[in-house]
Amino acid sequence: MLIENITKEYVEEIAKSILKNISEYFVIEEEDVYLSASIGIVMAPADGEDEKILFQRVDAALEKAKEKGKGHYHFYCSGLDCEREQRFIIENQLHRAIEKNEFFLYYQPQINIETKKIASMEALIRWENKELGFVSPNQFIPLAERTGFIIKLDEWVVNQVCQQLREWLNKGYDVVPIAVNISARHFRSITLIEMITRALNKYNVPTHLLAIEVTEGALIHKDISKRVLLQLKEQNLKIHLDDFGTGYSSLSYLKTYPIDTLKIDRSFMEGIHIDERDTNITAAIIHLAHTLELNVIAEGVEKKEQIQFLKEKNVKLVQGYYYSRPLSKYDMENMYYK
């Protein structure tokens, strides 16, 4: 879209209007359909006069908008060139990271607040590169999703978790289930079930010790989602719905899909007793989950006041710094298994 003789403020209003209008859902054959958009913006001649340069810069601005998530716009600024180069370097290193053994896992305990004992844990991937140092998951996960490398990454995580479970079982520990995150892209892949089954069989791990976490975004395609979830349940795997309430939430998800656990996003927990709306929304989600006989795990729990709120709402499982940061396998053994 090219618009002449206007101010930056007017362009901003147009971008907001486009995003607002396109986010309205519509119905096709009794199914709710949602669209989203990201917008990159350049202003000429301030951002350049050459047509080729302007197209390069609006593309860079669009990438920045996409990094913010769905439904955002971004004006080009010169610093994007450096960021784009950094992403290019990370992407190149990313594709060699598995063979170079640069990835490793940390585990964050999920604690029963009544017994103070560990009930389960979540596996979290980390990456240390010789050139880049520690690379944040917020940097490399979106790149992995965009390039399709996330499928290999998911497979690596599932295999590492199964191997770790087998190691702890062999040591005679009272092993608790581990949850792994499966990307939306991989969730729709025909290879997912086979990959998980192969890993479980390879390390002879009981299926009840592996839980699968998916976000709402992975469940948009209803027919595919229901089929995959039912196949996972046939394997006796637990299904966790992560970040519930932060995306395009639909109560039909909870009615239609065989979900075991709702995870309350940290963004809601941060507002407990601070933001009345967050407090009320969190209470409503908990009540809904209990009504449907679903388990609840509260994420991002860091304060005593949050623990008290969750106790009052009969939530038993929490995950967050109040009890523990993510731990290496050695720290996990020393703190919870020995």
C-alpha atoms as a PDB file:
ATOM      1  CA  MET A   1       0.000   0.000   0.000  1.00  0.00           C
ATOM      2  CA  LEU A   2       1.416   3.388  -1.042  1.00  0.00           C
ATOM      3  CA  ILE A   3       0.000   6.586   0.466  1.00  0.00           C
ATOM      4  CA  GLU A   4       1.213  10.085  -0.405  1.00  0.00           C
ATOM      5  CA  ASN A   5       1.431  13.371   1.496  1.00  0.00           C
ATOM      6  CA  ILE A   6       0.482  12.141   4.961  1.00  0.00           C
ATOM      7  CA  THR A   7       1.939  12.303   8.449  1.00  0.00           C
ATOM      8  CA  LYS A   8       3.345   9.475  10.519  1.00  0.00           C
ATOM      9  CA  GLU A   9       0.454   9.880  12.947  1.00  0.00           C
ATOM     10  CA  TYR A  10      -2.088   9.369  10.167  1.00  0.00           C
ATOM     11  CA  VAL A  11      -0.256   6.279   8.915  1.00  0.00           C
ATOM     12  CA  GLU A  12      -0.342   4.924  12.449  1.00  0.00           C
ATOM     13  CA  GLU A  13      -4.112   5.421  12.619  1.00  0.00           C
ATOM     14  CA  ILE A  14      -4.540   3.599   9.299  1.00  0.00           C
ATOM     15  CA  ALA A  15      -2.416   0.681  10.530  1.00  0.00           C
ATOM     16  CA  LYS A  16      -4.437   0.428  13.744  1.00  0.00           C
ATOM     17  CA  SER A  17      -7.684   0.492  11.779  1.00  0.00           C
ATOM     18  CA  ILE A  18      -6.520  -2.264   9.411  1.00  0.00           C
ATOM     19  CA  LEU A  19      -5.431  -4.493  12.283  1.00  0.00           C
ATOM     20  CA  LYS A  20      -8.671  -3.912  14.180  1.00  0.00           C
ATOM     21  CA  ASN A  21     -10.913  -4.651  11.199  1.00  0.00           C
ATOM     22  CA  ILE A  22      -9.020  -7.733  10.074  1.00  0.00           C
ATOM     23  CA  SER A  23      -9.076  -9.239  13.572  1.00  0.00           C
ATOM     24  CA  GLU A  24     -12.880  -9.519  13.551  1.00  0.00           C
ATOM     25  CA  TYR A  25     -13.816 -13.171  13.298  1.00  0.00           C
ATOM     26  CA  PHE A  26     -16.275 -14.482  10.746  1.00  0.00           C
ATOM     27  CA  VAL A  27     -18.156 -17.739  10.352  1.00  0.00           C
ATOM     28  CA  ILE A  28     -17.704 -20.273   7.557  1.00  0.00           C
ATOM     29  CA  GLU A  29     -19.861 -23.391   7.651  1.00  0.00           C
ATOM     30  CA  GLU A  30     -20.591 -22.876  11.364  1.00  0.00           C
ATOM     31  CA  GLU A  31     -16.892 -22.609  12.203  1.00  0.00           C
ATOM     32  CA  ASP A  32     -15.348 -19.469  13.702  1.00  0.00           C
ATOM     33  CA  VAL A  33     -12.487 -18.279  11.494  1.00  0.00           C
ATOM     34  CA  TYR A  34      -9.902 -15.760  12.685  1.00  0.00           C
ATOM     35  CA  LEU A  35      -7.463 -13.712  10.646  1.00  0.00           C
ATOM     36  CA  SER A  36      -4.500 -11.699  11.812  1.00  0.00           C
ATOM     37  CA  ALA A  37      -2.017  -9.381  10.168  1.00  0.00           C
ATOM     38  CA  SER A  38       1.367  -7.777  10.725  1.00  0.00           C
ATOM     39  CA  ILE A  39       2.297  -4.453   9.130  1.00  0.00           C
ATOM     40  CA  GLY A  40       5.714  -3.010   8.269  1.00  0.00           C
ATOM     41  CA  ILE A  41       5.930   0.711   7.498  1.00  0.00           C
ATOM     42  CA  VAL A  42       8.541   2.993   5.882  1.00  0.00           C
ATOM     43  CA  MET A  43       8.334   6.754   5.371  1.00  0.00           C
ATOM     44  CA  ALA A  44       9.970   8.267   2.277  1.00  0.00           C
ATOM     45  CA  PRO A  45      12.188  10.177   1.908  1.00  0.00           C
ATOM     46  CA  ALA A  46      13.129   9.904   5.617  1.00  0.00           C
ATOM     47  CA  ASP A  47      13.816   6.161   5.328  1.00  0.00           C
ATOM     48  CA  GLY A  48      15.307   6.377   1.829  1.00  0.00           C
ATOM     49  CA  GLU A  49      14.478   7.472  -1.699  1.00  0.00           C
ATOM     50  CA  ASP A  50      15.604   4.473  -3.727  1.00  0.00           C
ATOM     51  CA  GLU A  51      12.749   2.045  -4.454  1.00  0.00           C
ATOM     52  CA  LYS A  52      14.848  -1.067  -3.834  1.00  0.00           C
ATOM     53  CA  ILE A  53      16.126   0.250  -0.504  1.00  0.00           C
ATOM     54  CA  LEU A  54      12.612   1.151   0.612  1.00  0.00           C
ATOM     55  CA  PHE A  55      11.311  -2.336  -0.164  1.00  0.00           C
ATOM     56  CA  GLN A  56      14.194  -3.891   1.783  1.00  0.00           C
ATOM     57  CA  ARG A  57      13.489  -1.663   4.750  1.00  0.00           C
ATOM     58  CA  VAL A  58       9.734  -2.220   4.780  1.00  0.00           C
ATOM     59  CA  ASP A  59      10.465  -5.951   4.735  1.00  0.00           C
ATOM     60  CA  ALA A  60      12.753  -5.514   7.751  1.00  0.00           C
ATOM     61  CA  ALA A  61      10.026  -3.537   9.535  1.00  0.00           C
ATOM     62  CA  LEU A  62       7.499  -6.274   8.751  1.00  0.00           C
ATOM     63  CA  GLU A  63       9.785  -8.907  10.298  1.00  0.00           C
ATOM     64  CA  LYS A  64      10.028  -6.791  13.439  1.00  0.00           C
ATOM     65  CA  ALA A  65       6.235  -6.500  13.590  1.00  0.00           C
ATOM     66  CA  LYS A  66       5.899 -10.282  13.301  1.00  0.00           C
ATOM     67  CA  GLU A  67       8.342 -10.792  16.181  1.00  0.00           C
ATOM     68  CA  LYS A  68       5.963  -8.861  18.435  1.00  0.00           C
ATOM     69  CA  GLY A  69       3.245 -11.415  17.721  1.00  0.00           C
ATOM     70  CA  LYS A  70       0.052 -11.278  15.744  1.00  0.00           C
ATOM     71  CA  GLY A  71      -1.736  -7.980  15.233  1.00  0.00           C
ATOM     72  CA  HIS A  72       1.160  -5.501  15.431  1.00  0.00           C
ATOM     73  CA  TYR A  73       2.683  -2.819  13.216  1.00  0.00           C
ATOM     74  CA  HIS A  74       6.213  -1.438  13.201  1.00  0.00           C
ATOM     75  CA  PHE A  75       7.872   1.608  11.667  1.00  0.00           C
ATOM     76  CA  TYR A  76      11.306   1.050  10.139  1.00  0.00           C
ATOM     77  CA  CYS A  77      14.288   2.331  12.064  1.00  0.00           C
ATOM     78  CA  SER A  78      17.950   2.004  11.105  1.00  0.00           C
ATOM     79  CA  GLY A  79      18.736  -0.290  14.018  1.00  0.00           C
ATOM     80  CA  LEU A  80      16.730  -3.013  12.315  1.00  0.00           C
ATOM     81  CA  ASP A  81      19.574  -3.630   9.879  1.00  0.00           C
ATOM     82  CA  CYS A  82      21.820  -4.746  12.742  1.00  0.00           C
ATOM     83  CA  GLU A  83      19.067  -6.869  14.259  1.00  0.00           C
ATOM     84  CA  ARG A  84      18.390  -8.511  10.916  1.00  0.00           C
ATOM     85  CA  GLU A  85      22.062  -9.387  10.532  1.00  0.00           C
ATOM     86  CA  GLN A  86      22.074 -10.846  14.048  1.00  0.00           C
ATOM     87  CA  ARG A  87      19.051 -12.999  13.226  1.00  0.00           C
ATOM     88  CA  PHE A  88      20.818 -14.206  10.090  1.00  0.00           C
ATOM     89  CA  ILE A  89      23.849 -15.257  12.166  1.00  0.00           C
ATOM     90  CA  ILE A  90      21.651 -17.008  14.743  1.00  0.00           C
ATOM     91  CA  GLU A  91      19.739 -18.825  12.008  1.00  0.00           C
ATOM     92  CA  ASN A  92      22.941 -20.118  10.418  1.00  0.00           C
ATOM     93  CA  GLN A  93      24.286 -21.341  13.764  1.00  0.00           C
ATOM     94  CA  LEU A  94      20.921 -22.832  14.720  1.00  0.00           C
ATOM     95  CA  HIS A  95      20.916 -25.424  11.959  1.00  0.00           C
ATOM     96  CA  ARG A  96      24.237 -26.858  13.168  1.00  0.00           C
ATOM     97  CA  ALA A  97      23.518 -26.704  16.885  1.00  0.00           C
ATOM     98  CA  ILE A  98      22.142 -30.232  17.277  1.00  0.00           C
ATOM     99  CA  GLU A  99      25.115 -31.947  15.637  1.00  0.00           C
ATOM    100  CA  LYS A 100      27.461 -29.732  17.686  1.00  0.00           C
ATOM    101  CA  ASN A 101      25.682 -30.735  20.942  1.00  0.00           C
ATOM    102  CA  GLU A 102      24.981 -27.137  21.871  1.00  0.00           C
ATOM    103  CA  PHE A 103      21.435 -27.660  23.159  1.00  0.00           C
ATOM    104  CA  PHE A 104      20.660 -28.845  26.668  1.00  0.00           C
ATOM    105  CA  LEU A 105      17.599 -29.119  28.883  1.00  0.00           C
ATOM    106  CA  TYR A 106      16.601 -27.549  32.151  1.00  0.00           C
ATOM    107  CA  TYR A 107      13.664 -28.780  34.198  1.00  0.00           C
ATOM    108  CA  GLN A 108      11.264 -26.606  36.182  1.00  0.00           C
ATOM    109  CA  PRO A 109       9.422 -28.410  38.991  1.00  0.00           C
ATOM    110  CA  GLN A 110       5.644 -28.260  39.302  1.00  0.00           C
ATOM    111  CA  ILE A 111       4.956 -28.362  43.021  1.00  0.00           C
ATOM    112  CA  ASN A 112       1.919 -29.500  44.988  1.00  0.00           C
ATOM    113  CA  ILE A 113       1.325 -26.570  47.340  1.00  0.00           C
ATOM    114  CA  GLU A 114      -0.394 -28.778  49.912  1.00  0.00           C
ATOM    115  CA  THR A 115       2.331 -31.407  50.242  1.00  0.00           C
ATOM    116  CA  LYS A 116       5.234 -29.176  49.092  1.00  0.00           C
ATOM    117  CA  LYS A 117       6.412 -32.140  47.003  1.00  0.00           C
ATOM    118  CA  ILE A 118       7.222 -32.262  43.318  1.00  0.00           C
ATOM    119  CA  ALA A 119       4.330 -33.606  41.223  1.00  0.00           C
ATOM    120  CA  SER A 120       5.729 -33.145  37.719  1.00  0.00           C
ATOM    121  CA  MET A 121       8.086 -30.910  35.766  1.00  0.00           C
ATOM    122  CA  GLU A 122       8.436 -29.097  32.453  1.00  0.00           C
ATOM    123  CA  ALA A 123      11.422 -29.547  30.136  1.00  0.00           C
ATOM    124  CA  LEU A 124      12.849 -26.253  28.852  1.00  0.00           C
ATOM    125  CA  ILE A 125      15.386 -26.090  26.036  1.00  0.00           C
ATOM    126  CA  ARG A 126      18.523 -23.948  26.331  1.00  0.00           C
ATOM    127  CA  TRP A 127      21.254 -23.127  23.812  1.00  0.00           C
ATOM    128  CA  GLU A 128      24.877 -22.116  24.318  1.00  0.00           C
ATOM    129  CA  ASN A 129      26.911 -21.339  21.192  1.00  0.00           C
ATOM    130  CA  LYS A 130      30.683 -20.736  21.152  1.00  0.00           C
ATOM    131  CA  GLU A 131      30.315 -17.585  19.062  1.00  0.00           C
ATOM    132  CA  LEU A 132      27.002 -16.238  20.346  1.00  0.00           C
ATOM    133  CA  GLY A 133      27.135 -17.358  23.967  1.00  0.00           C
ATOM    134  CA  PHE A 134      23.787 -18.126  25.601  1.00  0.00           C
ATOM    135  CA  VAL A 135      20.980 -17.501  23.118  1.00  0.00           C
ATOM    136  CA  SER A 136      17.540 -16.789  24.554  1.00  0.00           C
ATOM    137  CA  PRO A 137      14.706 -19.130  23.531  1.00  0.00           C
ATOM    138  CA  ASN A 138      12.784 -15.956  22.673  1.00  0.00           C
ATOM    139  CA  GLN A 139      15.361 -15.418  19.938  1.00  0.00           C
ATOM    140  CA  PHE A 140      15.864 -18.875  18.471  1.00  0.00           C
ATOM    141  CA  ILE A 141      12.438 -20.519  18.884  1.00  0.00           C
ATOM    142  CA  PRO A 142      10.644 -18.071  16.522  1.00  0.00           C
ATOM    143  CA  LEU A 143      13.445 -18.554  13.973  1.00  0.00           C
ATOM    144  CA  ALA A 144      13.161 -22.327  14.289  1.00  0.00           C
ATOM    145  CA  GLU A 145       9.410 -22.109  13.738  1.00  0.00           C
ATOM    146  CA  ARG A 146       9.768 -19.852  10.711  1.00  0.00           C
ATOM    147  CA  THR A 147      12.353 -22.075   9.012  1.00  0.00           C
ATOM    148  CA  GLY A 148      10.779 -25.424   9.906  1.00  0.00           C
ATOM    149  CA  PHE A 149      13.771 -26.413  12.051  1.00  0.00           C
ATOM    150  CA  ILE A 150      11.386 -26.553  15.003  1.00  0.00           C
ATOM    151  CA  ILE A 151      10.349 -30.078  13.962  1.00  0.00           C
ATOM    152  CA  LYS A 152      13.913 -31.350  14.443  1.00  0.00           C
ATOM    153  CA  LEU A 153      14.135 -29.385  17.669  1.00  0.00           C
ATOM    154  CA  ASP A 154      10.933 -30.926  19.040  1.00  0.00           C
ATOM    155  CA  GLU A 155      12.213 -34.391  18.170  1.00  0.00           C
ATOM    156  CA  TRP A 156      15.514 -33.709  19.928  1.00  0.00           C
ATOM    157  CA  VAL A 157      13.693 -32.553  23.081  1.00  0.00           C
ATOM    158  CA  VAL A 158      11.347 -35.555  23.175  1.00  0.00           C
ATOM    159  CA  ASN A 159      14.260 -37.974  22.776  1.00  0.00           C
ATOM    160  CA  GLN A 160      16.341 -36.226  25.428  1.00  0.00           C
ATOM    161  CA  VAL A 161      13.436 -36.272  27.877  1.00  0.00           C
ATOM    162  CA  CYS A 162      12.772 -39.977  27.277  1.00  0.00           C
ATOM    163  CA  GLN A 163      16.475 -40.728  27.713  1.00  0.00           C
ATOM    164  CA  GLN A 164      16.514 -38.750  30.971  1.00  0.00           C
ATOM    165  CA  LEU A 165      13.412 -40.520  32.258  1.00  0.00           C
ATOM    166  CA  ARG A 166      15.018 -43.894  31.561  1.00  0.00           C
ATOM    167  CA  GLU A 167      18.214 -42.820  33.342  1.00  0.00           C
ATOM    168  CA  TRP A 168      16.273 -41.781  36.446  1.00  0.00           C
ATOM    169  CA  LEU A 169      14.157 -44.934  36.356  1.00  0.00           C
ATOM    170  CA  ASN A 170      17.321 -47.042  36.210  1.00  0.00           C
ATOM    171  CA  LYS A 171      18.617 -45.230  39.299  1.00  0.00           C
ATOM    172  CA  GLY A 172      15.490 -46.269  41.171  1.00  0.00           C
ATOM    173  CA  TYR A 173      14.100 -42.758  41.668  1.00  0.00           C
ATOM    174  CA  ASP A 174      10.390 -42.151  42.220  1.00  0.00           C
ATOM    175  CA  VAL A 175      10.121 -40.475  38.819  1.00  0.00           C
ATOM    176  CA  VAL A 176       7.458 -37.838  38.099  1.00  0.00           C
ATOM    177  CA  PRO A 177       6.060 -37.012  34.634  1.00  0.00           C
ATOM    178  CA  ILE A 178       7.843 -34.525  32.385  1.00  0.00           C
ATOM    179  CA  ALA A 179       5.948 -32.196  30.048  1.00  0.00           C
ATOM    180  CA  VAL A 180       7.404 -31.244  26.669  1.00  0.00           C
ATOM    181  CA  ASN A 181       6.273 -28.401  24.438  1.00  0.00           C
ATOM    182  CA  ILE A 182       5.228 -29.307  20.902  1.00  0.00           C
ATOM    183  CA  SER A 183       5.139 -26.482  18.363  1.00  0.00           C
ATOM    184  CA  ALA A 184       1.985 -25.686  16.399  1.00  0.00           C
ATOM    185  CA  ARG A 185       3.799 -26.507  13.180  1.00  0.00           C
ATOM    186  CA  HIS A 186       4.881 -29.942  14.372  1.00  0.00           C
ATOM    187  CA  PHE A 187       1.510 -30.626  15.952  1.00  0.00           C
ATOM    188  CA  ARG A 188      -0.045 -30.632  12.475  1.00  0.00           C
ATOM    189  CA  SER A 189       2.661 -32.903  11.055  1.00  0.00           C
ATOM    190  CA  ILE A 190       1.826 -36.508  10.189  1.00  0.00           C
ATOM    191  CA  THR A 191       5.150 -37.575  11.716  1.00  0.00           C
ATOM    192  CA  LEU A 192       4.394 -36.395  15.275  1.00  0.00           C
ATOM    193  CA  ILE A 193       2.736 -39.507  16.708  1.00  0.00           C
ATOM    194  CA  GLU A 194       5.304 -41.825  15.140  1.00  0.00           C
ATOM    195  CA  MET A 195       8.166 -39.699  16.489  1.00  0.00           C
ATOM    196  CA  ILE A 196       6.834 -39.724  20.063  1.00  0.00           C
ATOM    197  CA  THR A 197       6.055 -43.446  19.975  1.00  0.00           C
ATOM    198  CA  ARG A 198       9.509 -44.225  18.614  1.00  0.00           C
ATOM    199  CA  ALA A 199      11.215 -42.276  21.412  1.00  0.00           C
ATOM    200  CA  LEU A 200       9.108 -43.915  24.132  1.00  0.00           C
ATOM    201  CA  ASN A 201       9.845 -47.377  22.743  1.00  0.00           C
ATOM    202  CA  LYS A 202      13.552 -46.677  22.238  1.00  0.00           C
ATOM    203  CA  TYR A 203      14.071 -45.858  25.907  1.00  0.00           C
ATOM    204  CA  ASN A 204      11.318 -48.142  27.235  1.00  0.00           C
ATOM    205  CA  VAL A 205       9.553 -45.288  29.030  1.00  0.00           C
ATOM    206  CA  PRO A 206       6.015 -45.758  30.415  1.00  0.00           C
ATOM    207  CA  THR A 207       3.698 -43.424  28.520  1.00  0.00           C
ATOM    208  CA  HIS A 208       2.172 -41.923  31.662  1.00  0.00           C
ATOM    209  CA  LEU A 209       5.534 -40.276  32.404  1.00  0.00           C
ATOM    210  CA  LEU A 210       5.390 -38.057  29.308  1.00  0.00           C
ATOM    211  CA  ALA A 211       2.988 -35.126  28.963  1.00  0.00           C
ATOM    212  CA  ILE A 212       2.470 -33.066  25.811  1.00  0.00           C
ATOM    213  CA  GLU A 213       2.001 -29.303  26.026  1.00  0.00           C
ATOM    214  CA  VAL A 214       0.331 -27.413  23.196  1.00  0.00           C
ATOM    215  CA  THR A 215      -0.839 -23.826  22.905  1.00  0.00           C
ATOM    216  CA  GLU A 216      -4.224 -22.649  21.685  1.00  0.00           C
ATOM    217  CA  GLY A 217      -2.650 -21.682  18.382  1.00  0.00           C
ATOM    218  CA  ALA A 218      -1.960 -25.348  17.631  1.00  0.00           C
ATOM    219  CA  LEU A 219      -5.656 -26.197  17.927  1.00  0.00           C
ATOM    220  CA  ILE A 220      -7.103 -23.823  15.330  1.00  0.00           C
ATOM    221  CA  HIS A 221      -7.571 -26.568  12.722  1.00  0.00           C
ATOM    222  CA  LYS A 222     -10.259 -28.517  14.546  1.00  0.00           C
ATOM    223  CA  ASP A 223     -10.388 -31.747  12.547  1.00  0.00           C
ATOM    224  CA  ILE A 224      -6.611 -32.205  12.560  1.00  0.00           C
ATOM    225  CA  SER A 225      -6.313 -31.191  16.205  1.00  0.00           C
ATOM    226  CA  LYS A 226      -8.967 -33.588  17.426  1.00  0.00           C
ATOM    227  CA  ARG A 227      -7.456 -36.495  15.489  1.00  0.00           C
ATOM    228  CA  VAL A 228      -3.942 -35.859  16.812  1.00  0.00           C
ATOM    229  CA  LEU A 229      -5.087 -35.366  20.402  1.00  0.00           C
ATOM    230  CA  LEU A 230      -7.129 -38.559  20.328  1.00  0.00           C
ATOM    231  CA  GLN A 231      -4.099 -40.444  19.003  1.00  0.00           C
ATOM    232  CA  LEU A 232      -1.984 -39.039  21.827  1.00  0.00           C
ATOM    233  CA  LYS A 233      -4.607 -40.057  24.376  1.00  0.00           C
ATOM    234  CA  GLU A 234      -4.672 -43.572  22.916  1.00  0.00           C
ATOM    235  CA  GLN A 235      -0.992 -43.726  23.898  1.00  0.00           C
ATOM    236  CA  ASN A 236      -1.970 -42.793  27.492  1.00  0.00           C
ATOM    237  CA  LEU A 237      -0.193 -39.439  27.179  1.00  0.00           C
ATOM    238  CA  LYS A 238      -1.405 -36.467  29.219  1.00  0.00           C
ATOM    239  CA  ILE A 239      -2.361 -33.302  27.306  1.00  0.00           C
ATOM    240  CA  HIS A 240      -1.684 -29.844  28.755  1.00  0.00           C
ATOM    241  CA  LEU A 241      -3.205 -26.725  27.187  1.00  0.00           C
ATOM    242  CA  ASP A 242      -0.574 -24.035  27.700  1.00  0.00           C
ATOM    243  CA  ASP A 243      -1.099 -20.256  27.982  1.00  0.00           C
ATOM    244  CA  PHE A 244      -4.879 -20.622  28.159  1.00  0.00           C
ATOM    245  CA  GLY A 245      -6.618 -17.267  27.791  1.00  0.00           C
ATOM    246  CA  THR A 246      -3.794 -15.458  25.977  1.00  0.00           C
ATOM    247  CA  GLY A 247      -4.782 -16.388  22.422  1.00  0.00           C
ATOM    248  CA  TYR A 248      -8.043 -16.944  20.612  1.00  0.00           C
ATOM    249  CA  SER A 249      -9.577 -18.900  23.450  1.00  0.00           C
ATOM    250  CA  SER A 250     -12.605 -20.995  22.665  1.00  0.00           C
ATOM    251  CA  LEU A 251     -14.629 -22.907  25.201  1.00  0.00           C
ATOM    252  CA  SER A 252     -15.291 -25.437  22.457  1.00  0.00           C
ATOM    253  CA  TYR A 253     -11.624 -26.491  22.821  1.00  0.00           C
ATOM    254  CA  LEU A 254     -12.358 -27.734  26.312  1.00  0.00           C
ATOM    255  CA  LYS A 255     -15.564 -29.491  25.273  1.00  0.00           C
ATOM    256  CA  THR A 256     -14.261 -31.008  22.041  1.00  0.00           C
ATOM    257  CA  TYR A 257     -10.678 -31.972  22.812  1.00  0.00           C
ATOM    258  CA  PRO A 258      -9.398 -34.589  25.308  1.00  0.00           C
ATOM    259  CA  ILE A 259      -7.419 -32.133  27.440  1.00  0.00           C
ATOM    260  CA  ASP A 260      -6.242 -33.089  30.930  1.00  0.00           C
ATOM    261  CA  THR A 261      -4.739 -29.872  32.271  1.00  0.00           C
ATOM    262  CA  LEU A 262      -5.106 -26.124  31.818  1.00  0.00           C
ATOM    263  CA  LYS A 263      -2.011 -24.016  32.440  1.00  0.00           C
ATOM    264  CA  ILE A 264      -2.724 -20.471  33.568  1.00  0.00           C
ATOM    265  CA  ASP A 265      -0.312 -18.069  31.899  1.00  0.00           C
ATOM    266  CA  ARG A 266       2.083 -16.023  34.016  1.00  0.00           C
ATOM    267  CA  SER A 267       0.595 -12.793  32.624  1.00  0.00           C
ATOM    268  CA  PHE A 268      -2.564 -13.441  34.656  1.00  0.00           C
ATOM    269  CA  MET A 269      -0.651 -14.446  37.772  1.00  0.00           C
ATOM    270  CA  GLU A 270       1.310 -11.193  37.681  1.00  0.00           C
ATOM    271  CA  GLY A 271      -1.943  -9.265  38.037  1.00  0.00           C
ATOM    272  CA  ILE A 272      -3.310 -11.161  41.038  1.00  0.00           C
ATOM    273  CA  HIS A 273      -4.396  -8.649  43.721  1.00  0.00           C
ATOM    274  CA  ILE A 274      -3.004  -5.856  41.511  1.00  0.00           C
ATOM    275  CA  ASP A 275      -5.338  -5.830  38.522  1.00  0.00           C
ATOM    276  CA  GLU A 276      -8.954  -6.634  39.351  1.00  0.00           C
ATOM    277  CA  ARG A 277      -9.671  -7.884  35.834  1.00  0.00           C
ATOM    278  CA  ASP A 278      -6.714 -10.281  35.892  1.00  0.00           C
ATOM    279  CA  THR A 279      -7.811 -11.554  39.288  1.00  0.00           C
ATOM    280  CA  ASN A 280     -11.382 -12.120  38.108  1.00  0.00           C
ATOM    281  CA  ILE A 281     -10.312 -13.738  34.829  1.00  0.00           C
ATOM    282  CA  THR A 282      -7.961 -16.097  36.654  1.00  0.00           C
ATOM    283  CA  ALA A 283     -10.680 -17.050  39.124  1.00  0.00           C
ATOM    284  CA  ALA A 284     -13.079 -17.694  36.228  1.00  0.00           C
ATOM    285  CA  ILE A 285     -10.563 -19.905  34.383  1.00  0.00           C
ATOM    286  CA  ILE A 286      -9.943 -21.931  37.533  1.00  0.00           C
ATOM    287  CA  HIS A 287     -13.673 -22.352  38.164  1.00  0.00           C
ATOM    288  CA  LEU A 288     -14.230 -23.408  34.547  1.00  0.00           C
ATOM    289  CA  ALA A 289     -11.427 -25.982  34.712  1.00  0.00           C
ATOM    290  CA  HIS A 290     -12.710 -27.459  37.957  1.00  0.00           C
ATOM    291  CA  THR A 291     -16.257 -27.630  36.577  1.00  0.00           C
ATOM    292  CA  LEU A 292     -14.935 -29.624  33.611  1.00  0.00           C
ATOM    293  CA  GLU A 293     -12.850 -31.791  35.971  1.00  0.00           C
ATOM    294  CA  LEU A 294      -9.570 -30.560  34.499  1.00  0.00           C
ATOM    295  CA  ASN A 295      -6.334 -30.157  36.419  1.00  0.00           C
ATOM    296  CA  VAL A 296      -4.884 -26.663  36.773  1.00  0.00           C
ATOM    297  CA  ILE A 297      -1.234 -25.606  36.833  1.00  0.00           C
ATOM    298  CA  ALA A 298      -0.474 -21.962  37.585  1.00  0.00           C
ATOM    299  CA  GLU A 299       2.680 -20.664  35.875  1.00  0.00           C
ATOM    300  CA  GLY A 300       4.917 -17.788  36.889  1.00  0.00           C
ATOM    301  CA  VAL A 301       4.130 -18.030  40.597  1.00  0.00           C
ATOM    302  CA  GLU A 302       6.617 -15.886  42.489  1.00  0.00           C
ATOM    303  CA  LYS A 303       4.823 -14.364  45.481  1.00  0.00           C
ATOM    304  CA  LYS A 304       3.245 -15.578  48.702  1.00  0.00           C
ATOM    305  CA  GLU A 305       0.076 -13.633  47.876  1.00  0.00           C
ATOM    306  CA  GLN A 306      -0.301 -15.643  44.669  1.00  0.00           C
ATOM    307  CA  ILE A 307       0.082 -18.906  46.588  1.00  0.00           C
ATOM    308  CA  GLN A 308      -2.621 -17.823  49.035  1.00  0.00           C
ATOM    309  CA  PHE A 309      -4.971 -16.905  46.186  1.00  0.00           C
ATOM    310  CA  LEU A 310      -4.412 -20.284  44.525  1.00  0.00           C
ATOM    311  CA  LYS A 311      -5.004 -22.134  47.794  1.00  0.00           C
ATOM    312  CA  GLU A 312      -8.310 -20.307  48.201  1.00  0.00           C
ATOM    313  CA  LYS A 313      -9.278 -21.368  44.673  1.00  0.00           C
ATOM    314  CA  ASN A 314      -8.276 -24.990  45.343  1.00  0.00           C
ATOM    315  CA  VAL A 315      -5.420 -24.991  42.824  1.00  0.00           C
ATOM    316  CA  LYS A 316      -2.862 -27.560  43.878  1.00  0.00           C
ATOM    317  CA  LEU A 317      -0.066 -27.367  41.284  1.00  0.00           C
ATOM    318  CA  VAL A 318       2.175 -24.359  40.726  1.00  0.00           C
ATOM    319  CA  GLN A 319       5.253 -23.641  38.652  1.00  0.00           C
ATOM    320  CA  GLY A 320       7.488 -20.647  39.196  1.00  0.00           C
ATOM    321  CA  TYR A 321      10.337 -19.018  41.065  1.00  0.00           C
ATOM    322  CA  TYR A 322       8.451 -19.076  44.375  1.00  0.00           C
ATOM    323  CA  TYR A 323       9.497 -22.715  44.650  1.00  0.00           C
ATOM    324  CA  SER A 324      12.206 -23.180  42.057  1.00  0.00           C
ATOM    325  CA  ARG A 325      13.916 -21.810  38.994  1.00  0.00           C
ATOM    326  CA  PRO A 326      14.525 -24.203  36.087  1.00  0.00           C
ATOM    327  CA  LEU A 327      17.211 -26.679  37.161  1.00  0.00           C
ATOM    328  CA  SER A 328      19.867 -28.768  35.470  1.00  0.00           C
ATOM    329  CA  LYS A 329      19.373 -32.523  35.697  1.00  0.00           C
ATOM    330  CA  TYR A 330      22.057 -32.687  38.387  1.00  0.00           C
ATOM    331  CA  ASP A 331      20.383 -30.040  40.542  1.00  0.00           C
ATOM    332  CA  MET A 332      17.031 -31.721  39.980  1.00  0.00           C
ATOM    333  CA  GLU A 333      18.439 -35.012  41.280  1.00  0.00           C
ATOM    334  CA  ASN A 334      20.070 -33.408  44.312  1.00  0.00           C
ATOM    335  CA  MET A 335      17.032 -31.337  45.295  1.00  0.00           C
ATOM    336  CA  TYR A 336      14.146 -33.685  44.550  1.00  0.00           C
ATOM    337  CA  TYR A 337      15.329 -37.232  43.921  1.00  0.00           C
ATOM    338  CA  LYS A 338      17.975 -37.938  46.558  1.00  0.00           C
END
